[in-house]
C-alpha atoms as a PDB file:
ATOM      1  CA  MET A   1      53.378 122.773  75.334  1.00  0.00           C
ATOM      2  CA  ILE A   2      56.635 122.968  74.313  1.00  0.00           C
ATOM      3  CA  MET A   3      58.052 120.583  77.120  1.00  0.00           C
ATOM      4  CA  ASN A   4      55.439 117.956  75.932  1.00  0.00           C
ATOM      5  CA  ASN A   5      56.680 118.273  72.222  1.00  0.00           C
ATOM      6  CA  LEU A   6      60.395 117.785  73.425  1.00  0.00           C
ATOM      7  CA  GLN A   7      59.249 114.830  75.609  1.00  0.00           C
ATOM      8  CA  THR A   8      57.561 113.306  72.662  1.00  0.00           C
ATOM      9  CA  ARG A   9      60.930 114.158  70.322  1.00  0.00           C
ATOM     10  CA  ARG A  10      63.091 112.252  72.918  1.00  0.00           C
ATOM     11  CA  ILE A  11      60.716 109.210  73.370  1.00  0.00           C
ATOM     12  CA  ASN A  12      60.179 108.979  69.345  1.00  0.00           C
ATOM     13  CA  THR A  13      64.242 109.188  69.139  1.00  0.00           C
ATOM     14  CA  THR A  14      64.770 106.716  71.852  1.00  0.00           C
ATOM     15  CA  LEU A  15      62.172 104.075  70.079  1.00  0.00           C
ATOM     16  CA  HIS A  16      63.865 104.874  66.759  1.00  0.00           C
ATOM     17  CA  ASN A  17      67.414 104.044  68.097  1.00  0.00           C
ATOM     18  CA  THR A  18      66.068 101.223  69.879  1.00  0.00           C
ATOM     19  CA  ARG A  19      64.766  99.480  66.833  1.00  0.00           C
ATOM     20  CA  ILE A  20      68.022  99.954  65.052  1.00  0.00           C
ATOM     21  CA  ILE A  21      70.116  98.262  67.837  1.00  0.00           C
ATOM     22  CA  TYR A  22      67.822  95.391  67.860  1.00  0.00           C
ATOM     23  CA  LEU A  23      67.961  95.126  64.211  1.00  0.00           C
ATOM     24  CA  THR A  24      71.665  95.165  64.349  1.00  0.00           C
ATOM     25  CA  ILE A  25      71.909  92.481  66.854  1.00  0.00           C
ATOM     26  CA  PHE A  26      69.704  90.366  64.758  1.00  0.00           C
ATOM     27  CA  LEU A  27      71.810  90.884  61.708  1.00  0.00           C
ATOM     28  CA  ALA A  28      74.786  90.000  63.623  1.00  0.00           C
ATOM     29  CA  LEU A  29      73.383  87.070  64.940  1.00  0.00           C
ATOM     30  CA  THR A  30      72.254  85.976  61.313  1.00  0.00           C
ATOM     31  CA  PHE A  31      75.620  86.569  59.992  1.00  0.00           C
ATOM     32  CA  CYS A  32      77.321  84.619  62.635  1.00  0.00           C
ATOM     33  CA  ILE A  33      74.917  81.555  62.157  1.00  0.00           C
ATOM     34  CA  PHE A  34      75.672  81.898  58.194  1.00  0.00           C
ATOM     35  CA  SER A  35      79.339  81.891  58.869  1.00  0.00           C
ATOM     36  CA  ASN A  36      79.632  79.097  60.994  1.00  0.00           C
ATOM     37  CA  LYS A  37      77.744  76.965  58.484  1.00  0.00           C
ATOM     38  CA  VAL A  38      79.879  78.060  55.543  1.00  0.00           C
ATOM     39  CA  GLN A  39      83.352  78.043  56.812  1.00  0.00           C
ATOM     40  CA  ALA A  40      83.698  78.163  60.555  1.00  0.00           C
ATOM     41  CA  GLN A  41      87.527  77.655  60.431  1.00  0.00           C
ATOM     42  CA  ASN A  42      87.876  80.611  58.846  1.00  0.00           C
ATOM     43  CA  LEU A  43      86.126  83.316  60.827  1.00  0.00           C
ATOM     44  CA  ALA A  44      87.880  86.481  62.047  1.00  0.00           C
ATOM     45  CA  LEU A  45      86.942  89.268  64.708  1.00  0.00           C
ATOM     46  CA  LYS A  46      88.039  92.993  63.720  1.00  0.00           C
ATOM     47  CA  ASN A  47      88.530  96.078  65.329  1.00  0.00           C
ATOM     48  CA  ASN A  48      89.028  99.541  63.559  1.00  0.00           C
ATOM     49  CA  ILE A  49      91.688 101.315  65.658  1.00  0.00           C
ATOM     50  CA  LEU A  50      91.056 104.812  63.726  1.00  0.00           C
ATOM     51  CA  TYR A  51      87.325 104.511  64.565  1.00  0.00           C
ATOM     52  CA  ASP A  52      88.440 103.719  67.981  1.00  0.00           C
ATOM     53  CA  ALA A  53      90.343 107.115  68.053  1.00  0.00           C
ATOM     54  CA  MET A  54      87.472 108.968  67.165  1.00  0.00           C
ATOM     55  CA  LEU A  55      85.514 107.543  70.591  1.00  0.00           C
ATOM     56  CA  THR A  56      83.573 105.239  68.765  1.00  0.00           C
ATOM     57  CA  PRO A  57      83.482 101.370  70.083  1.00  0.00           C
ATOM     58  CA  ASN A  58      83.427  99.186  66.780  1.00  0.00           C
ATOM     59  CA  LEU A  59      83.369  95.382  65.968  1.00  0.00           C
ATOM     60  CA  GLY A  60      83.482  93.566  62.647  1.00  0.00           C
ATOM     61  CA  LEU A  61      83.056  89.912  61.627  1.00  0.00           C
ATOM     62  CA  GLU A  62      84.629  88.528  58.531  1.00  0.00           C
ATOM     63  CA  ALA A  63      84.047  84.800  57.286  1.00  0.00           C
ATOM     64  CA  ARG A  64      85.408  82.848  54.233  1.00  0.00           C
ATOM     65  CA  VAL A  65      82.778  81.958  51.677  1.00  0.00           C
ATOM     66  CA  ALA A  66      85.153  80.686  49.079  1.00  0.00           C
ATOM     67  CA  ASP A  67      89.026  80.474  48.025  1.00  0.00           C
ATOM     68  CA  LYS A  68      89.578  84.249  47.930  1.00  0.00           C
ATOM     69  CA  TRP A  69      86.188  85.684  48.807  1.00  0.00           C
ATOM     70  CA  THR A  70      84.884  86.801  52.163  1.00  0.00           C
ATOM     71  CA  VAL A  71      81.803  88.383  53.603  1.00  0.00           C
ATOM     72  CA  GLY A  72      82.000  90.763  56.630  1.00  0.00           C
ATOM     73  CA  PHE A  73      79.682  92.702  58.867  1.00  0.00           C
ATOM     74  CA  ASN A  74      80.672  95.475  60.886  1.00  0.00           C
ATOM     75  CA  VAL A  75      78.970  97.643  63.364  1.00  0.00           C
ATOM     76  CA  GLY A  76      79.873 100.868  65.186  1.00  0.00           C
ATOM     77  CA  PHE A  77      78.320 103.039  68.004  1.00  0.00           C
ATOM     78  CA  ASN A  78      79.098 106.307  69.674  1.00  0.00           C
ATOM     79  CA  PRO A  79      76.690 107.299  72.099  1.00  0.00           C
ATOM     80  CA  TRP A  80      78.755 110.346  73.628  1.00  0.00           C
ATOM     81  CA  PRO A  81      77.857 113.000  74.979  1.00  0.00           C
ATOM     82  CA  LEU A  82      75.502 111.183  77.148  1.00  0.00           C
ATOM     83  CA  SER A  83      73.845 114.554  78.080  1.00  0.00           C
ATOM     84  CA  ASP A  84      71.579 116.320  75.582  1.00  0.00           C
ATOM     85  CA  GLN A  85      72.941 119.500  76.648  1.00  0.00           C
ATOM     86  CA  LYS A  86      76.691 119.136  75.732  1.00  0.00           C
ATOM     87  CA  PHE A  87      78.352 120.007  72.540  1.00  0.00           C
ATOM     88  CA  PRO A  88      80.129 118.864  70.331  1.00  0.00           C
ATOM     89  CA  LYS A  89      78.078 115.769  69.634  1.00  0.00           C
ATOM     90  CA  TRP A  90      78.649 113.099  67.094  1.00  0.00           C
ATOM     91  CA  ARG A  91      76.019 110.359  68.428  1.00  0.00           C
ATOM     92  CA  HIS A  92      75.338 107.742  65.740  1.00  0.00           C
ATOM     93  CA  ILE A  93      75.081 103.933  64.911  1.00  0.00           C
ATOM     94  CA  LEU A  94      76.496 102.373  61.839  1.00  0.00           C
ATOM     95  CA  VAL A  95      76.082  99.019  60.245  1.00  0.00           C
ATOM     96  CA  ALA A  96      78.218  98.079  57.195  1.00  0.00           C
ATOM     97  CA  PRO A  97      78.303  94.861  55.325  1.00  0.00           C
ATOM     98  CA  GLN A  98      80.816  94.368  52.748  1.00  0.00           C
ATOM     99  CA  PHE A  99      82.285  91.715  50.113  1.00  0.00           C
ATOM    100  CA  ARG A 100      85.931  91.343  49.835  1.00  0.00           C
ATOM    101  CA  TYR A 101      88.231  89.589  47.084  1.00  0.00           C
ATOM    102  CA  TYR A 102      91.770  88.621  48.067  1.00  0.00           C
ATOM    103  CA  PHE A 103      94.389  88.262  45.340  1.00  0.00           C
ATOM    104  CA  CYS A 104      96.365  85.592  47.162  1.00  0.00           C
ATOM    105  CA  THR A 105      94.545  83.899  49.660  1.00  0.00           C
ATOM    106  CA  VAL A 106      91.904  84.951  52.135  1.00  0.00           C
ATOM    107  CA  PHE A 107      92.986  87.165  55.202  1.00  0.00           C
ATOM    108  CA  ALA A 108      96.517  87.867  53.678  1.00  0.00           C
ATOM    109  CA  ARG A 109      98.166  90.339  51.405  1.00  0.00           C
ATOM    110  CA  ASP A 110      96.253  92.942  49.176  1.00  0.00           C
ATOM    111  CA  PHE A 111      92.283  92.657  48.603  1.00  0.00           C
ATOM    112  CA  LEU A 112      89.340  94.743  47.012  1.00  0.00           C
ATOM    113  CA  GLU A 113      86.340  95.558  49.109  1.00  0.00           C
ATOM    114  CA  VAL A 114      82.774  96.931  47.956  1.00  0.00           C
ATOM    115  CA  ASN A 115      80.674  97.604  51.028  1.00  0.00           C
ATOM    116  CA  ALA A 116      77.143  99.343  51.948  1.00  0.00           C
ATOM    117  CA  VAL A 117      76.480 101.644  54.853  1.00  0.00           C
ATOM    118  CA  TYR A 118      73.557 102.604  56.761  1.00  0.00           C
ATOM    119  CA  SER A 119      73.920 105.071  59.527  1.00  0.00           C
ATOM    120  CA  HIS A 120      71.377 107.005  61.860  1.00  0.00           C
ATOM    121  CA  TYR A 121      72.960 110.279  63.593  1.00  0.00           C
ATOM    122  CA  ASN A 122      72.577 113.076  65.673  1.00  0.00           C
ATOM    123  CA  VAL A 123      75.485 115.531  65.262  1.00  0.00           C
ATOM    124  CA  GLY A 124      76.147 119.281  66.233  1.00  0.00           C
ATOM    125  CA  GLY A 125      79.064 121.579  66.799  1.00  0.00           C
ATOM    126  CA  VAL A 126      81.422 119.494  64.847  1.00  0.00           C
ATOM    127  CA  ASN A 127      83.952 120.776  62.561  1.00  0.00           C
ATOM    128  CA  PHE A 128      84.836 118.105  59.969  1.00  0.00           C
ATOM    129  CA  PRO A 129      88.253 118.516  58.584  1.00  0.00           C
ATOM    130  CA  ILE A 130      87.510 116.396  55.318  1.00  0.00           C
ATOM    131  CA  GLY A 131      84.916 116.976  52.911  1.00  0.00           C
ATOM    132  CA  THR A 132      81.576 118.823  52.546  1.00  0.00           C
ATOM    133  CA  LEU A 133      79.236 116.153  53.757  1.00  0.00           C
ATOM    134  CA  TYR A 134      77.752 118.550  56.566  1.00  0.00           C
ATOM    135  CA  PRO A 135      79.050 122.028  56.012  1.00  0.00           C
ATOM    136  CA  ALA A 136      76.535 123.439  58.433  1.00  0.00           C
ATOM    137  CA  VAL A 137      77.162 121.138  61.576  1.00  0.00           C
ATOM    138  CA  ARG A 138      79.406 123.171  63.331  1.00  0.00           C
ATOM    139  CA  GLU A 139      76.663 125.711  64.036  1.00  0.00           C
ATOM    140  CA  ASN A 140      73.622 123.468  63.893  1.00  0.00           C
ATOM    141  CA  ARG A 141      72.331 120.514  65.014  1.00  0.00           C
ATOM    142  CA  LEU A 142      71.589 117.568  62.403  1.00  0.00           C
ATOM    143  CA  GLN A 143      69.485 114.342  62.899  1.00  0.00           C
ATOM    144  CA  GLY A 144      69.021 111.942  60.295  1.00  0.00           C
ATOM    145  CA  ASP A 145      69.902 109.100  58.624  1.00  0.00           C
ATOM    146  CA  LEU A 146      71.938 107.910  55.513  1.00  0.00           C
ATOM    147  CA  VAL A 147      72.814 104.998  53.184  1.00  0.00           C
ATOM    148  CA  ALA A 148      75.863 104.909  50.978  1.00  0.00           C
ATOM    149  CA  ALA A 149      77.798 102.166  48.874  1.00  0.00           C
ATOM    150  CA  GLY A 150      81.424 102.299  47.928  1.00  0.00           C
ATOM    151  CA  ALA A 151      84.620 100.433  47.509  1.00  0.00           C
ATOM    152  CA  ALA A 152      88.333 100.085  48.825  1.00  0.00           C
ATOM    153  CA  TYR A 153      91.792  98.730  48.522  1.00  0.00           C
ATOM    154  CA  GLY A 154      93.615  97.262  51.395  1.00  0.00           C
ATOM    155  CA  TRP A 155      96.662  95.353  52.524  1.00  0.00           C
ATOM    156  CA  THR A 156      96.844  92.589  55.333  1.00  0.00           C
ATOM    157  CA  TRP A 157      99.870  91.881  57.231  1.00  0.00           C
ATOM    158  CA  VAL A 158      99.794  88.486  58.875  1.00  0.00           C
ATOM    159  CA  VAL A 159     101.593  88.944  62.378  1.00  0.00           C
ATOM    160  CA  SER A 160     101.056  85.404  63.695  1.00  0.00           C
ATOM    161  CA  PRO A 161      98.865  82.418  62.694  1.00  0.00           C
ATOM    162  CA  HIS A 162      96.046  84.275  64.769  1.00  0.00           C
ATOM    163  CA  PHE A 163      96.681  87.948  64.683  1.00  0.00           C
ATOM    164  CA  SER A 164      97.134  90.395  61.690  1.00  0.00           C
ATOM    165  CA  LEU A 165      96.931  93.943  60.883  1.00  0.00           C
ATOM    166  CA  GLU A 166      95.418  95.654  57.823  1.00  0.00           C
ATOM    167  CA  ALA A 167      94.948  99.165  56.331  1.00  0.00           C
ATOM    168  CA  GLU A 168      92.302  99.905  53.679  1.00  0.00           C
ATOM    169  CA  ALA A 169      91.274 103.138  51.766  1.00  0.00           C
ATOM    170  CA  GLY A 170      88.587 104.040  49.492  1.00  0.00           C
ATOM    171  CA  PHE A 171      85.289 106.064  49.025  1.00  0.00           C
ATOM    172  CA  ASP A 172      81.510 105.784  49.595  1.00  0.00           C
ATOM    173  CA  VAL A 173      79.017 107.688  47.656  1.00  0.00           C
ATOM    174  CA  GLY A 174      75.391 107.837  49.378  1.00  0.00           C
ATOM    175  CA  TYR A 175      72.292 109.709  50.260  1.00  0.00           C
ATOM    176  CA  THR A 176      71.419 111.450  53.560  1.00  0.00           C
ATOM    177  CA  TRP A 177      68.149 112.880  54.945  1.00  0.00           C
ATOM    178  CA  PHE A 178      67.966 114.962  58.046  1.00  0.00           C
ATOM    179  CA  LYS A 179      66.114 117.619  60.302  1.00  0.00           C
ATOM    180  CA  LYS A 180      68.147 120.758  61.105  1.00  0.00           C
ATOM    181  CA  PHE A 181      67.960 122.499  64.619  1.00  0.00           C
ATOM    182  CA  GLU A 182      69.654 125.127  66.388  1.00  0.00           C
ATOM    183  CA  CYS A 183      72.385 123.756  68.350  1.00  0.00           C
ATOM    184  CA  PRO A 184      70.802 123.457  71.793  1.00  0.00           C
ATOM    185  CA  TRP A 185      68.482 120.038  72.404  1.00  0.00           C
ATOM    186  CA  CYS A 186      65.551 122.594  72.711  1.00  0.00           C
ATOM    187  CA  GLY A 187      66.605 124.903  69.651  1.00  0.00           C
ATOM    188  CA  SER A 188      64.323 125.844  67.074  1.00  0.00           C
ATOM    189  CA  PHE A 189      63.449 123.199  64.163  1.00  0.00           C
ATOM    190  CA  LEU A 190      64.836 125.003  61.023  1.00  0.00           C
ATOM    191  CA  GLY A 191      63.492 122.516  58.450  1.00  0.00           C
ATOM    192  CA  ASP A 192      64.250 119.196  56.732  1.00  0.00           C
ATOM    193  CA  ASP A 193      67.009 118.712  54.263  1.00  0.00           C
ATOM    194  CA  GLU A 194      68.452 115.897  51.896  1.00  0.00           C
ATOM    195  CA  LYS A 195      71.382 115.494  49.673  1.00  0.00           C
ATOM    196  CA  TRP A 196      74.163 113.728  47.993  1.00  0.00           C
ATOM    197  CA  PHE A 197      77.576 113.187  49.164  1.00  0.00           C
ATOM    198  CA  VAL A 198      81.099 111.538  48.551  1.00  0.00           C
ATOM    199  CA  MET A 199      83.023 110.340  51.667  1.00  0.00           C
ATOM    200  CA  PRO A 200      86.240 108.948  52.057  1.00  0.00           C
ATOM    201  CA  LYS A 201      86.688 106.087  53.885  1.00  0.00           C
ATOM    202  CA  PHE A 202      89.995 104.723  55.871  1.00  0.00           C
ATOM    203  CA  GLY A 203      90.525 101.953  58.129  1.00  0.00           C
ATOM    204  CA  PHE A 204      93.456 100.501  60.223  1.00  0.00           C
ATOM    205  CA  ASN A 205      92.095  97.229  61.645  1.00  0.00           C
ATOM    206  CA  ALA A 206      93.472  94.487  64.138  1.00  0.00           C
ATOM    207  CA  VAL A 207      92.253  90.998  63.200  1.00  0.00           C
ATOM    208  CA  TRP A 208      91.954  87.969  65.433  1.00  0.00           C
ATOM    209  CA  GLN A 209      91.225  84.778  63.787  1.00  0.00           C
ATOM    210  CA  ILE A 210      88.817  83.220  66.235  1.00  0.00           C
ATOM    211  CA  PHE A 211      87.988  79.991  64.225  1.00  0.00           C
END
């Protein structure tokens, strides 16, 4: 009976993650089509190096929609550790659309950004160094979802006509709901919980002008 419950839980989790991945791909393709129609000559591909350092592959697209405005779409996916029996784990998928206003011209100098965030996560055995988002995650496993919105200020350094670097810092305010388990995958279910949170946001991005 316990094994059947565990198998059902794993199947449901896999189906949920698959739906999220398909939705992310659909939104990214829609964004690309929209961007090409608006300003195909001003499209950038981005990678957050700080996110890479946390072993989370990620990509972003940003497109000009007006003289000083851009829209963007960022995706990050961390599947590790692949084994359900290994800890710590910080599995998650994250999608984050954004709008930016550049004070000088797009893709150069300082900017203000507003963004939204959705993430599905499965974390356990992690000691977060900043904030109180998950104070119990070091000794338990949490699996759930979060939504958030925030703002940031940043600066872009143009290195060449087709490459630049940018740094940004800000914060997100959001809401999360999750299920709490003992750390092992087959650990006892401890209950449902939900909470509001404030989360800092940092980025150091490599940017390539692809059109």
